């Protein structure tokens, strides 16, 4: 046999033996399609949970704002009631001390209408 026709199995495989080189071909591992679907769905689930958590935070802030606004409106109504009460008491005191009221006779009930 001539050297031109002889090809060793090692040379045909494309693997050369040299210093610092492995003789084993390493194939890269990749994820399968099911693993990729699971990972994408988990990432989507995590982002969905984050979105829902942020939404509930905003809702809780809305409830707090609503409670504060309700308290403000209650206090405004109380302030208005107190202003009316102050005006009533002031007018009663002014009427008692006026000369016109002092010259008027006291009111008495004379009777009720009969059917």
PDB file of N, CA and C in Angstrom:
ATOM      1  N   UNK A   1       0.819  -1.178   0.000  1.00  0.00           N
ATOM      2  CA  UNK A   1       0.000   0.000   0.000  1.00  0.00           C
ATOM      3  C   UNK A   1       0.866   1.247   0.000  1.00  0.00           C
ATOM      4  N   UNK A   2       0.338   2.228  -0.718  1.00  0.00           N
ATOM      5  CA  UNK A   2       1.088   3.480  -0.758  1.00  0.00           C
ATOM      6  C   UNK A   2       0.599   4.400   0.358  1.00  0.00           C
ATOM      7  N   UNK A   3       1.423   5.363   0.716  1.00  0.00           N
ATOM      8  CA  UNK A   3       1.072   6.256   1.814  1.00  0.00           C
ATOM      9  C   UNK A   3      -0.045   7.225   1.424  1.00  0.00           C
ATOM     10  N   UNK A   4      -0.305   7.424   0.144  1.00  0.00           N
ATOM     11  CA  UNK A   4      -1.333   8.355  -0.282  1.00  0.00           C
ATOM     12  C   UNK A   4      -2.719   7.780  -0.080  1.00  0.00           C
ATOM     13  N   UNK A   5      -2.865   6.502  -0.162  1.00  0.00           N
ATOM     14  CA  UNK A   5      -4.178   5.907  -0.007  1.00  0.00           C
ATOM     15  C   UNK A   5      -4.497   5.558   1.429  1.00  0.00           C
ATOM     16  N   UNK A   6      -3.489   5.495   2.249  1.00  0.00           N
ATOM     17  CA  UNK A   6      -3.732   5.139   3.639  1.00  0.00           C
ATOM     18  C   UNK A   6      -4.128   6.386   4.431  1.00  0.00           C
ATOM     19  N   UNK A   7      -5.284   6.325   5.037  1.00  0.00           N
ATOM     20  CA  UNK A   7      -5.743   7.421   5.888  1.00  0.00           C
ATOM     21  C   UNK A   7      -6.139   6.813   7.225  1.00  0.00           C
ATOM     22  N   UNK A   8      -5.571   7.326   8.258  1.00  0.00           N
ATOM     23  CA  UNK A   8      -5.906   6.775   9.568  1.00  0.00           C
ATOM     24  C   UNK A   8      -7.266   7.303  10.011  1.00  0.00           C
ATOM     25  N   UNK A   9      -7.857   6.621  10.944  1.00  0.00           N
ATOM     26  CA  UNK A   9      -9.158   7.058  11.452  1.00  0.00           C
ATOM     27  C   UNK A   9      -9.032   8.374  12.209  1.00  0.00           C
ATOM     28  N   UNK A  10      -7.926   8.567  12.841  1.00  0.00           N
ATOM     29  CA  UNK A  10      -7.725   9.798  13.592  1.00  0.00           C
ATOM     30  C   UNK A  10      -7.645  11.002  12.662  1.00  0.00           C
ATOM     31  N   UNK A  11      -6.991  10.864  11.588  1.00  0.00           N
ATOM     32  CA  UNK A  11      -6.834  11.978  10.650  1.00  0.00           C
ATOM     33  C   UNK A  11      -8.143  12.275   9.935  1.00  0.00           C
ATOM     34  N   UNK A  12      -8.936  11.234   9.691  1.00  0.00           N
ATOM     35  CA  UNK A  12     -10.203  11.461   8.994  1.00  0.00           C
ATOM     36  C   UNK A  12     -11.236  12.119   9.889  1.00  0.00           C
ATOM     37  N   UNK A  13     -11.090  11.961  11.179  1.00  0.00           N
ATOM     38  CA  UNK A  13     -12.043  12.560  12.096  1.00  0.00           C
ATOM     39  C   UNK A  13     -11.757  14.042  12.306  1.00  0.00           C
ATOM     40  N   UNK A  14     -10.605  14.507  11.857  1.00  0.00           N
ATOM     41  CA  UNK A  14     -10.283  15.911  11.993  1.00  0.00           C
ATOM     42  C   UNK A  14      -9.690  16.252  13.332  1.00  0.00           C
ATOM     43  N   UNK A  15      -9.314  15.278  14.092  1.00  0.00           N
ATOM     44  CA  UNK A  15      -8.731  15.516  15.405  1.00  0.00           C
ATOM     45  C   UNK A  15      -7.235  15.326  15.285  1.00  0.00           C
ATOM     46  N   UNK A  16      -6.498  16.318  15.650  1.00  0.00           N
ATOM     47  CA  UNK A  16      -5.051  16.182  15.608  1.00  0.00           C
ATOM     48  C   UNK A  16      -4.533  16.094  17.036  1.00  0.00           C
ATOM     49  N   UNK A  17      -3.492  15.309  17.204  1.00  0.00           N
ATOM     50  CA  UNK A  17      -2.886  15.168  18.520  1.00  0.00           C
ATOM     51  C   UNK A  17      -1.750  16.155  18.614  1.00  0.00           C
ATOM     52  N   UNK A  18      -1.952  17.148  19.391  1.00  0.00           N
ATOM     53  CA  UNK A  18      -0.901  18.127  19.602  1.00  0.00           C
ATOM     54  C   UNK A  18      -0.877  18.451  21.084  1.00  0.00           C
ATOM     55  N   UNK A  19       0.175  19.101  21.462  1.00  0.00           N
ATOM     56  CA  UNK A  19       0.337  19.451  22.864  1.00  0.00           C
ATOM     57  C   UNK A  19      -0.725  20.461  23.286  1.00  0.00           C
ATOM     58  N   UNK A  20      -1.363  20.247  24.436  1.00  0.00           N
ATOM     59  CA  UNK A  20      -2.355  21.174  24.960  1.00  0.00           C
ATOM     60  C   UNK A  20      -3.723  21.038  24.315  1.00  0.00           C
ATOM     61  N   UNK A  21      -3.958  20.004  23.533  1.00  0.00           N
ATOM     62  CA  UNK A  21      -5.264  19.811  22.907  1.00  0.00           C
ATOM     63  C   UNK A  21      -5.873  18.531  23.427  1.00  0.00           C
ATOM     64  N   UNK A  22      -7.188  18.583  23.584  1.00  0.00           N
ATOM     65  CA  UNK A  22      -7.888  17.379  24.029  1.00  0.00           C
ATOM     66  C   UNK A  22      -8.132  16.459  22.852  1.00  0.00           C
ATOM     67  N   UNK A  23      -8.248  15.213  23.156  1.00  0.00           N
ATOM     68  CA  UNK A  23      -8.558  14.253  22.101  1.00  0.00           C
ATOM     69  C   UNK A  23     -10.037  13.957  22.047  1.00  0.00           C
ATOM     70  N   UNK A  24     -10.776  14.580  22.943  1.00  0.00           N
ATOM     71  CA  UNK A  24     -12.213  14.345  23.002  1.00  0.00           C
ATOM     72  C   UNK A  24     -12.917  15.574  22.464  1.00  0.00           C
ATOM     73  N   UNK A  25     -13.848  15.378  21.600  1.00  0.00           N
ATOM     74  CA  UNK A  25     -14.633  16.496  21.075  1.00  0.00           C
ATOM     75  C   UNK A  25     -15.761  16.782  22.059  1.00  0.00           C
ATOM     76  N   UNK A  26     -15.857  18.031  22.512  1.00  0.00           N
ATOM     77  CA  UNK A  26     -16.876  18.428  23.481  1.00  0.00           C
ATOM     78  C   UNK A  26     -18.010  19.096  22.731  1.00  0.00           C
ATOM     79  N   UNK A  27     -19.170  18.561  22.917  1.00  0.00           N
ATOM     80  CA  UNK A  27     -20.347  19.155  22.277  1.00  0.00           C
ATOM     81  C   UNK A  27     -21.023  20.082  23.272  1.00  0.00           C
ATOM     82  N   UNK A  28     -21.471  21.238  22.793  1.00  0.00           N
ATOM     83  CA  UNK A  28     -22.148  22.193  23.656  1.00  0.00           C
ATOM     84  C   UNK A  28     -23.532  21.669  23.990  1.00  0.00           C
ATOM     85  N   UNK A  29     -23.854  21.791  25.261  1.00  0.00           N
ATOM     86  CA  UNK A  29     -25.182  21.365  25.683  1.00  0.00           C
ATOM     87  C   UNK A  29     -26.132  22.534  25.520  1.00  0.00           C
ATOM     88  N   UNK A  30     -27.320  22.258  25.063  1.00  0.00           N
ATOM     89  CA  UNK A  30     -28.332  23.303  24.926  1.00  0.00           C
ATOM     90  C   UNK A  30     -29.628  22.827  25.568  1.00  0.00           C
ATOM     91  N   UNK A  31     -30.453  23.789  25.884  1.00  0.00           N
ATOM     92  CA  UNK A  31     -31.730  23.448  26.497  1.00  0.00           C
ATOM     93  C   UNK A  31     -32.689  22.921  25.439  1.00  0.00           C
ATOM     94  N   UNK A  32     -33.538  22.045  25.883  1.00  0.00           N
ATOM     95  CA  UNK A  32     -34.551  21.539  24.983  1.00  0.00           C
ATOM     96  C   UNK A  32     -35.706  22.517  24.862  1.00  0.00           C
ATOM     97  N   UNK A  33     -36.605  22.225  23.971  1.00  0.00           N
ATOM     98  CA  UNK A  33     -37.724  23.144  23.730  1.00  0.00           C
ATOM     99  C   UNK A  33     -38.650  23.222  24.943  1.00  0.00           C
ATOM    100  N   UNK A  34     -38.842  22.127  25.639  1.00  0.00           N
ATOM    101  CA  UNK A  34     -39.710  22.133  26.822  1.00  0.00           C
ATOM    102  C   UNK A  34     -39.075  22.968  27.933  1.00  0.00           C
ATOM    103  N   UNK A  35     -37.762  22.828  28.114  1.00  0.00           N
ATOM    104  CA  UNK A  35     -37.078  23.628  29.129  1.00  0.00           C
ATOM    105  C   UNK A  35     -37.171  25.118  28.803  1.00  0.00           C
ATOM    106  N   UNK A  36     -37.034  25.460  27.552  1.00  0.00           N
ATOM    107  CA  UNK A  36     -37.143  26.863  27.153  1.00  0.00           C
ATOM    108  C   UNK A  36     -38.544  27.400  27.418  1.00  0.00           C
ATOM    109  N   UNK A  37     -39.563  26.613  27.132  1.00  0.00           N
ATOM    110  CA  UNK A  37     -40.944  27.038  27.384  1.00  0.00           C
ATOM    111  C   UNK A  37     -41.173  27.231  28.878  1.00  0.00           C
ATOM    112  N   UNK A  38     -40.639  26.321  29.694  1.00  0.00           N
ATOM    113  CA  UNK A  38     -40.798  26.430  31.148  1.00  0.00           C
ATOM    114  C   UNK A  38     -40.106  27.685  31.668  1.00  0.00           C
ATOM    115  N   UNK A  39     -38.902  27.963  31.196  1.00  0.00           N
ATOM    116  CA  UNK A  39     -38.164  29.144  31.654  1.00  0.00           C
ATOM    117  C   UNK A  39     -38.878  30.423  31.245  1.00  0.00           C
ATOM    118  N   UNK A  40     -39.355  30.506  30.023  1.00  0.00           N
ATOM    119  CA  UNK A  40     -40.072  31.700  29.562  1.00  0.00           C
ATOM    120  C   UNK A  40     -41.363  31.887  30.353  1.00  0.00           C
ATOM    121  N   UNK A  41     -42.069  30.796  30.636  1.00  0.00           N
ATOM    122  CA  UNK A  41     -43.311  30.928  31.408  1.00  0.00           C
ATOM    123  C   UNK A  41     -43.023  31.348  32.849  1.00  0.00           C
ATOM    124  N   UNK A  42     -41.941  30.868  33.437  1.00  0.00           N
ATOM    125  CA  UNK A  42     -41.574  31.287  34.796  1.00  0.00           C
ATOM    126  C   UNK A  42     -41.195  32.770  34.835  1.00  0.00           C
ATOM    127  N   UNK A  43     -40.462  33.225  33.835  1.00  0.00           N
ATOM    128  CA  UNK A  43     -40.106  34.648  33.772  1.00  0.00           C
ATOM    129  C   UNK A  43     -41.365  35.491  33.621  1.00  0.00           C
ATOM    130  N   UNK A  44     -42.281  35.049  32.774  1.00  0.00           N
ATOM    131  CA  UNK A  44     -43.542  35.770  32.601  1.00  0.00           C
ATOM    132  C   UNK A  44     -44.340  35.793  33.897  1.00  0.00           C
ATOM    133  N   UNK A  45     -44.354  34.686  34.609  1.00  0.00           N
ATOM    134  CA  UNK A  45     -45.061  34.617  35.885  1.00  0.00           C
ATOM    135  C   UNK A  45     -44.450  35.570  36.902  1.00  0.00           C
ATOM    136  N   UNK A  46     -43.126  35.627  36.974  1.00  0.00           N
ATOM    137  CA  UNK A  46     -42.454  36.526  37.921  1.00  0.00           C
ATOM    138  C   UNK A  46     -42.778  37.978  37.590  1.00  0.00           C
ATOM    139  N   UNK A  47     -42.705  38.346  36.310  1.00  0.00           N
ATOM    140  CA  UNK A  47     -43.045  39.715  35.929  1.00  0.00           C
ATOM    141  C   UNK A  47     -44.514  40.025  36.212  1.00  0.00           C
ATOM    142  N   UNK A  48     -45.383  39.063  36.029  1.00  0.00           N
ATOM    143  CA  UNK A  48     -46.796  39.262  36.343  1.00  0.00           C
ATOM    144  C   UNK A  48     -47.024  39.485  37.822  1.00  0.00           C
ATOM    145  N   UNK A  49     -46.323  38.724  38.656  1.00  0.00           N
ATOM    146  CA  UNK A  49     -46.453  38.905  40.105  1.00  0.00           C
ATOM    147  C   UNK A  49     -45.911  40.263  40.541  1.00  0.00           C
ATOM    148  N   UNK A  50     -44.825  40.696  39.944  1.00  0.00           N
ATOM    149  CA  UNK A  50     -44.284  42.026  40.263  1.00  0.00           C
ATOM    150  C   UNK A  50     -45.288  43.094  39.864  1.00  0.00           C
ATOM    151  N   UNK A  51     -45.889  42.957  38.692  1.00  0.00           N
ATOM    152  CA  UNK A  51     -46.880  43.928  38.224  1.00  0.00           C
ATOM    153  C   UNK A  51     -48.089  43.966  39.164  1.00  0.00           C
ATOM    154  N   UNK A  52     -48.543  42.795  39.586  1.00  0.00           N
ATOM    155  CA  UNK A  52     -49.697  42.744  40.494  1.00  0.00           C
ATOM    156  C   UNK A  52     -49.358  43.354  41.850  1.00  0.00           C
ATOM    157  N   UNK A  53     -48.144  43.110  42.332  1.00  0.00           N
ATOM    158  CA  UNK A  53     -47.732  43.680  43.618  1.00  0.00           C
ATOM    159  C   UNK A  53     -47.689  45.202  43.540  1.00  0.00           C
ATOM    160  N   UNK A  54     -47.179  45.738  42.452  1.00  0.00           N
ATOM    161  CA  UNK A  54     -47.133  47.192  42.297  1.00  0.00           C
ATOM    162  C   UNK A  54     -48.541  47.765  42.177  1.00  0.00           C
ATOM    163  N   UNK A  55     -49.435  47.031  41.528  1.00  0.00           N
ATOM    164  CA  UNK A  55     -50.819  47.488  41.413  1.00  0.00           C
ATOM    165  C   UNK A  55     -51.521  47.551  42.753  1.00  0.00           C
ATOM    166  N   UNK A  56     -51.261  46.567  43.605  1.00  0.00           N
ATOM    167  CA  UNK A  56     -51.893  46.588  44.924  1.00  0.00           C
ATOM    168  C   UNK A  56     -51.304  47.682  45.796  1.00  0.00           C
ATOM    169  N   UNK A  57     -50.030  48.014  45.601  1.00  0.00           N
ATOM    170  CA  UNK A  57     -49.445  49.133  46.346  1.00  0.00           C
ATOM    171  C   UNK A  57     -50.156  50.430  45.970  1.00  0.00           C
ATOM    172  N   UNK A  58     -50.387  50.608  44.680  1.00  0.00           N
ATOM    173  CA  UNK A  58     -51.078  51.821  44.237  1.00  0.00           C
ATOM    174  C   UNK A  58     -52.497  51.861  44.788  1.00  0.00           C
ATOM    175  N   UNK A  59     -53.163  50.714  44.835  1.00  0.00           N
ATOM    176  CA  UNK A  59     -54.516  50.661  45.375  1.00  0.00           C
ATOM    177  C   UNK A  59     -54.525  50.984  46.863  1.00  0.00           C
ATOM    178  N   UNK A  60     -53.531  50.483  47.601  1.00  0.00           N
ATOM    179  CA  UNK A  60     -53.483  50.783  49.031  1.00  0.00           C
ATOM    180  C   UNK A  60     -53.223  52.265  49.265  1.00  0.00           C
ATOM    181  N   UNK A  61     -52.419  52.890  48.399  1.00  0.00           N
ATOM    182  CA  UNK A  61     -52.216  54.329  48.509  1.00  0.00           C
ATOM    183  C   UNK A  61     -53.513  55.066  48.217  1.00  0.00           C
ATOM    184  N   UNK A  62     -54.306  54.559  47.270  1.00  0.00           N
ATOM    185  CA  UNK A  62     -55.605  55.170  46.969  1.00  0.00           C
ATOM    186  C   UNK A  62     -56.524  55.104  48.182  1.00  0.00           C
ATOM    187  N   UNK A  63     -56.507  53.963  48.889  1.00  0.00           N
ATOM    188  CA  UNK A  63     -57.343  53.836  50.085  1.00  0.00           C
ATOM    189  C   UNK A  63     -56.896  54.815  51.169  1.00  0.00           C
ATOM    190  N   UNK A  64     -55.594  54.976  51.332  1.00  0.00           N
ATOM    191  CA  UNK A  64     -55.090  55.919  52.336  1.00  0.00           C
ATOM    192  C   UNK A  64     -55.476  57.347  51.973  1.00  0.00           C
ATOM    193  N   UNK A  65     -55.349  57.687  50.706  1.00  0.00           N
ATOM    194  CA  UNK A  65     -55.727  59.031  50.259  1.00  0.00           C
ATOM    195  C   UNK A  65     -57.217  59.247  50.454  1.00  0.00           C
ATOM    196  N   UNK A  66     -58.003  58.233  50.151  1.00  0.00           N
ATOM    197  CA  UNK A  66     -59.452  58.333  50.332  1.00  0.00           C
ATOM    198  C   UNK A  66     -59.801  58.542  51.800  1.00  0.00           C
ATOM    199  N   UNK A  67     -59.114  57.845  52.692  1.00  0.00           N
ATOM    200  CA  UNK A  67     -59.378  58.000  54.125  1.00  0.00           C
ATOM    201  C   UNK A  67     -59.019  59.409  54.594  1.00  0.00           C
ATOM    202  N   UNK A  68     -57.900  59.941  54.122  1.00  0.00           N
ATOM    203  CA  UNK A  68     -57.491  61.293  54.510  1.00  0.00           C
ATOM    204  C   UNK A  68     -58.478  62.323  53.958  1.00  0.00           C
ATOM    205  N   UNK A  69     -58.910  62.139  52.709  1.00  0.00           N
ATOM    206  CA  UNK A  69     -59.885  63.068  52.124  1.00  0.00           C
ATOM    207  C   UNK A  69     -61.212  63.010  52.871  1.00  0.00           C
ATOM    208  N   UNK A  70     -61.623  61.823  53.297  1.00  0.00           N
ATOM    209  CA  UNK A  70     -62.850  61.682  54.079  1.00  0.00           C
ATOM    210  C   UNK A  70     -62.719  62.410  55.414  1.00  0.00           C
ATOM    211  N   UNK A  71     -61.566  62.282  56.052  1.00  0.00           N
ATOM    212  CA  UNK A  71     -61.344  62.969  57.323  1.00  0.00           C
ATOM    213  C   UNK A  71     -61.354  64.486  57.127  1.00  0.00           C
ATOM    214  N   UNK A  72     -60.776  64.948  56.030  1.00  0.00           N
ATOM    215  CA  UNK A  72     -60.766  66.387  55.736  1.00  0.00           C
ATOM    216  C   UNK A  72     -62.181  66.908  55.532  1.00  0.00           C
ATOM    217  N   UNK A  73     -63.003  66.155  54.785  1.00  0.00           N
ATOM    218  CA  UNK A  73     -64.381  66.608  54.552  1.00  0.00           C
ATOM    219  C   UNK A  73     -65.187  66.602  55.858  1.00  0.00           C
ATOM    220  N   UNK A  74     -64.957  65.605  56.733  1.00  0.00           N
ATOM    221  CA  UNK A  74     -65.632  65.585  58.038  1.00  0.00           C
ATOM    222  C   UNK A  74     -65.234  66.783  58.888  1.00  0.00           C
ATOM    223  N   UNK A  75     -63.948  67.107  58.883  1.00  0.00           N
ATOM    224  CA  UNK A  75     -63.484  68.258  59.657  1.00  0.00           C
ATOM    225  C   UNK A  75     -64.018  69.576  59.092  1.00  0.00           C
ATOM    226  N   UNK A  76     -64.132  69.667  57.764  1.00  0.00           N
ATOM    227  CA  UNK A  76     -64.719  70.876  57.161  1.00  0.00           C
ATOM    228  C   UNK A  76     -66.184  71.025  57.543  1.00  0.00           C
ATOM    229  N   UNK A  77     -66.915  69.910  57.544  1.00  0.00           N
ATOM    230  CA  UNK A  77     -68.318  69.960  57.946  1.00  0.00           C
ATOM    231  C   UNK A  77     -68.446  70.360  59.413  1.00  0.00           C
ATOM    232  N   UNK A  78     -67.575  69.851  60.262  1.00  0.00           N
ATOM    233  CA  UNK A  78     -67.599  70.211  61.683  1.00  0.00           C
ATOM    234  C   UNK A  78     -67.261  71.695  61.866  1.00  0.00           C
ATOM    235  N   UNK A  79     -66.300  72.191  61.084  1.00  0.00           N
ATOM    236  CA  UNK A  79     -65.944  73.605  61.165  1.00  0.00           C
ATOM    237  C   UNK A  79     -67.124  74.481  60.765  1.00  0.00           C
ATOM    238  N   UNK A  80     -67.843  74.071  59.700  1.00  0.00           N
ATOM    239  CA  UNK A  80     -69.020  74.838  59.272  1.00  0.00           C
ATOM    240  C   UNK A  80     -70.104  74.821  60.351  1.00  0.00           C
ATOM    241  N   UNK A  81     -70.304  73.648  60.981  1.00  0.00           N
ATOM    242  CA  UNK A  81     -71.298  73.560  62.061  1.00  0.00           C
ATOM    243  C   UNK A  81     -70.911  74.459  63.239  1.00  0.00           C
ATOM    244  N   UNK A  82     -69.641  74.473  63.565  1.00  0.00           N
ATOM    245  CA  UNK A  82     -69.178  75.324  64.668  1.00  0.00           C
ATOM    246  C   UNK A  82     -69.302  76.805  64.319  1.00  0.00           C
ATOM    247  N   UNK A  83     -69.110  77.168  63.048  1.00  0.00           N
ATOM    248  CA  UNK A  83     -69.286  78.566  62.640  1.00  0.00           C
ATOM    249  C   UNK A  83     -70.745  78.982  62.784  1.00  0.00           C
ATOM    250  N   UNK A  84     -71.668  78.080  62.433  1.00  0.00           N
ATOM    251  CA  UNK A  84     -73.100  78.373  62.588  1.00  0.00           C
ATOM    252  C   UNK A  84     -73.447  78.502  64.062  1.00  0.00           C
ATOM    253  N   UNK A  85     -72.921  77.599  64.897  1.00  0.00           N
ATOM    254  CA  UNK A  85     -73.179  77.650  66.335  1.00  0.00           C
ATOM    255  C   UNK A  85     -72.628  78.944  66.946  1.00  0.00           C
ATOM    256  N   UNK A  86     -71.466  79.361  66.508  1.00  0.00           N
ATOM    257  CA  UNK A  86     -70.879  80.611  66.999  1.00  0.00           C
ATOM    258  C   UNK A  86     -71.757  81.796  66.610  1.00  0.00           C
ATOM    259  N   UNK A  87     -72.232  81.816  65.367  1.00  0.00           N
ATOM    260  CA  UNK A  87     -73.095  82.908  64.913  1.00  0.00           C
ATOM    261  C   UNK A  87     -74.401  82.922  65.707  1.00  0.00           C
ATOM    262  N   UNK A  88     -74.962  81.743  66.003  1.00  0.00           N
ATOM    263  CA  UNK A  88     -76.207  81.677  66.771  1.00  0.00           C
ATOM    264  C   UNK A  88     -76.002  82.209  68.190  1.00  0.00           C
ATOM    265  N   UNK A  89     -74.926  81.735  68.821  1.00  0.00           N
ATOM    266  CA  UNK A  89     -74.664  82.188  70.193  1.00  0.00           C
ATOM    267  C   UNK A  89     -74.353  83.686  70.244  1.00  0.00           C
ATOM    268  N   UNK A  90     -73.651  84.170  69.254  1.00  0.00           N
ATOM    269  CA  UNK A  90     -73.340  85.595  69.199  1.00  0.00           C
ATOM    270  C   UNK A  90     -74.607  86.412  69.003  1.00  0.00           C
ATOM    271  N   UNK A  91     -75.508  85.919  68.155  1.00  0.00           N
ATOM    272  CA  UNK A  91     -76.743  86.669  67.899  1.00  0.00           C
ATOM    273  C   UNK A  91     -77.651  86.654  69.127  1.00  0.00           C
ATOM    274  N   UNK A  92     -77.683  85.544  69.872  1.00  0.00           N
ATOM    275  CA  UNK A  92     -78.494  85.488  71.081  1.00  0.00           C
ATOM    276  C   UNK A  92     -77.961  86.475  72.118  1.00  0.00           C
ATOM    277  N   UNK A  93     -76.632  86.494  72.278  1.00  0.00           N
ATOM    278  CA  UNK A  93     -76.033  87.423  73.241  1.00  0.00           C
ATOM    279  C   UNK A  93     -76.258  88.868  72.812  1.00  0.00           C
ATOM    280  N   UNK A  94     -76.180  89.142  71.548  1.00  0.00           N
ATOM    281  CA  UNK A  94     -76.413  90.500  71.044  1.00  0.00           C
ATOM    282  C   UNK A  94     -77.875  90.898  71.251  1.00  0.00           C
ATOM    283  N   UNK A  95     -78.787  89.974  71.035  1.00  0.00           N
ATOM    284  CA  UNK A  95     -80.219  90.278  71.190  1.00  0.00           C
ATOM    285  C   UNK A  95     -80.566  90.529  72.661  1.00  0.00           C
ATOM    286  N   UNK A  96     -79.964  89.794  73.564  1.00  0.00           N
ATOM    287  CA  UNK A  96     -80.247  89.994  74.989  1.00  0.00           C
ATOM    288  C   UNK A  96     -79.759  91.362  75.465  1.00  0.00           C
ATOM    289  N   UNK A  97     -78.680  91.813  74.907  1.00  0.00           N
ATOM    290  CA  UNK A  97     -78.099  93.078  75.352  1.00  0.00           C
ATOM    291  C   UNK A  97     -78.626  94.293  74.584  1.00  0.00           C
ATOM    292  N   UNK A  98     -79.462  94.084  73.598  1.00  0.00           N
ATOM    293  CA  UNK A  98     -79.953  95.231  72.818  1.00  0.00           C
ATOM    294  C   UNK A  98     -81.097  95.944  73.550  1.00  0.00           C
ATOM    295  N   UNK A  99     -81.270  97.212  73.287  1.00  0.00           N
ATOM    296  CA  UNK A  99     -82.334  98.009  73.913  1.00  0.00           C
ATOM    297  C   UNK A  99     -83.689  97.667  73.329  1.00  0.00           C
ATOM    298  N   UNK A 100     -83.737  97.277  72.094  1.00  0.00           N
ATOM    299  CA  UNK A 100     -85.010  96.919  71.458  1.00  0.00           C
ATOM    300  C   UNK A 100     -85.562  95.657  72.107  1.00  0.00           C
ATOM    301  N   UNK A 101     -84.709  94.668  72.333  1.00  0.00           N
ATOM    302  CA  UNK A 101     -85.155  93.423  72.945  1.00  0.00           C
ATOM    303  C   UNK A 101     -85.562  93.655  74.403  1.00  0.00           C
ATOM    304  N   UNK A 102     -84.924  94.590  75.072  1.00  0.00           N
ATOM    305  CA  UNK A 102     -85.272  94.851  76.471  1.00  0.00           C
ATOM    306  C   UNK A 102     -86.643  95.499  76.593  1.00  0.00           C
ATOM    307  N   UNK A 103     -87.080  96.241  75.603  1.00  0.00           N
ATOM    308  CA  UNK A 103     -88.384  96.902  75.664  1.00  0.00           C
ATOM    309  C   UNK A 103     -89.528  95.995  75.221  1.00  0.00           C
ATOM    310  N   UNK A 104     -89.243  94.813  74.698  1.00  0.00           N
ATOM    311  CA  UNK A 104     -90.295  93.899  74.229  1.00  0.00           C
ATOM    312  C   UNK A 104     -90.807  93.059  75.381  1.00  0.00           C
ATOM    313  N   UNK A 105     -92.073  92.697  75.337  1.00  0.00           N
ATOM    314  CA  UNK A 105     -92.613  91.825  76.389  1.00  0.00           C
ATOM    315  C   UNK A 105     -92.148  90.389  76.164  1.00  0.00           C
ATOM    316  N   UNK A 106     -92.143  89.613  77.249  1.00  0.00           N
ATOM    317  CA  UNK A 106     -91.755  88.213  77.137  1.00  0.00           C
ATOM    318  C   UNK A 106     -92.838  87.449  76.391  1.00  0.00           C
ATOM    319  N   UNK A 107     -92.413  86.467  75.644  1.00  0.00           N
ATOM    320  CA  UNK A 107     -93.355  85.662  74.875  1.00  0.00           C
ATOM    321  C   UNK A 107     -93.952  84.591  75.771  1.00  0.00           C
ATOM    322  N   UNK A 108     -95.273  84.427  75.664  1.00  0.00           N
ATOM    323  CA  UNK A 108     -95.940  83.367  76.418  1.00  0.00           C
ATOM    324  C   UNK A 108     -96.851  82.615  75.475  1.00  0.00           C
ATOM    325  N   UNK A 109     -97.081  81.365  75.802  1.00  0.00           N
ATOM    326  CA  UNK A 109     -97.952  80.545  74.961  1.00  0.00           C
ATOM    327  C   UNK A 109     -99.395  80.840  75.392  1.00  0.00           C
ATOM    328  N   UNK A 110    -100.201  81.274  74.465  1.00  0.00           N
ATOM    329  CA  UNK A 110    -101.574  81.601  74.781  1.00  0.00           C
ATOM    330  C   UNK A 110    -102.499  80.428  74.578  1.00  0.00           C
ATOM    331  N   UNK A 111    -102.120  79.491  73.746  1.00  0.00           N
ATOM    332  CA  UNK A 111    -102.968  78.339  73.513  1.00  0.00           C
ATOM    333  C   UNK A 111    -102.628  77.695  72.180  1.00  0.00           C
ATOM    334  N   UNK A 112    -103.229  76.568  71.967  1.00  0.00           N
ATOM    335  CA  UNK A 112    -102.994  75.817  70.739  1.00  0.00           C
ATOM    336  C   UNK A 112    -104.285  75.756  69.963  1.00  0.00           C
ATOM    337  N   UNK A 113    -104.164  75.568  68.678  1.00  0.00           N
ATOM    338  CA  UNK A 113    -105.355  75.471  67.824  1.00  0.00           C
ATOM    339  C   UNK A 113    -106.052  74.159  68.095  1.00  0.00           C
ATOM    340  N   UNK A 114    -107.369  74.224  68.174  1.00  0.00           N
ATOM    341  CA  UNK A 114    -108.185  73.042  68.417  1.00  0.00           C
ATOM    342  C   UNK A 114    -108.799  72.576  67.092  1.00  0.00           C
ATOM    343  N   UNK A 115    -108.960  71.327  66.954  1.00  0.00           N
ATOM    344  CA  UNK A 115    -109.632  70.803  65.755  1.00  0.00           C
ATOM    345  C   UNK A 115    -111.115  70.769  65.932  1.00  0.00           C
TER     346      UNK A 115
END
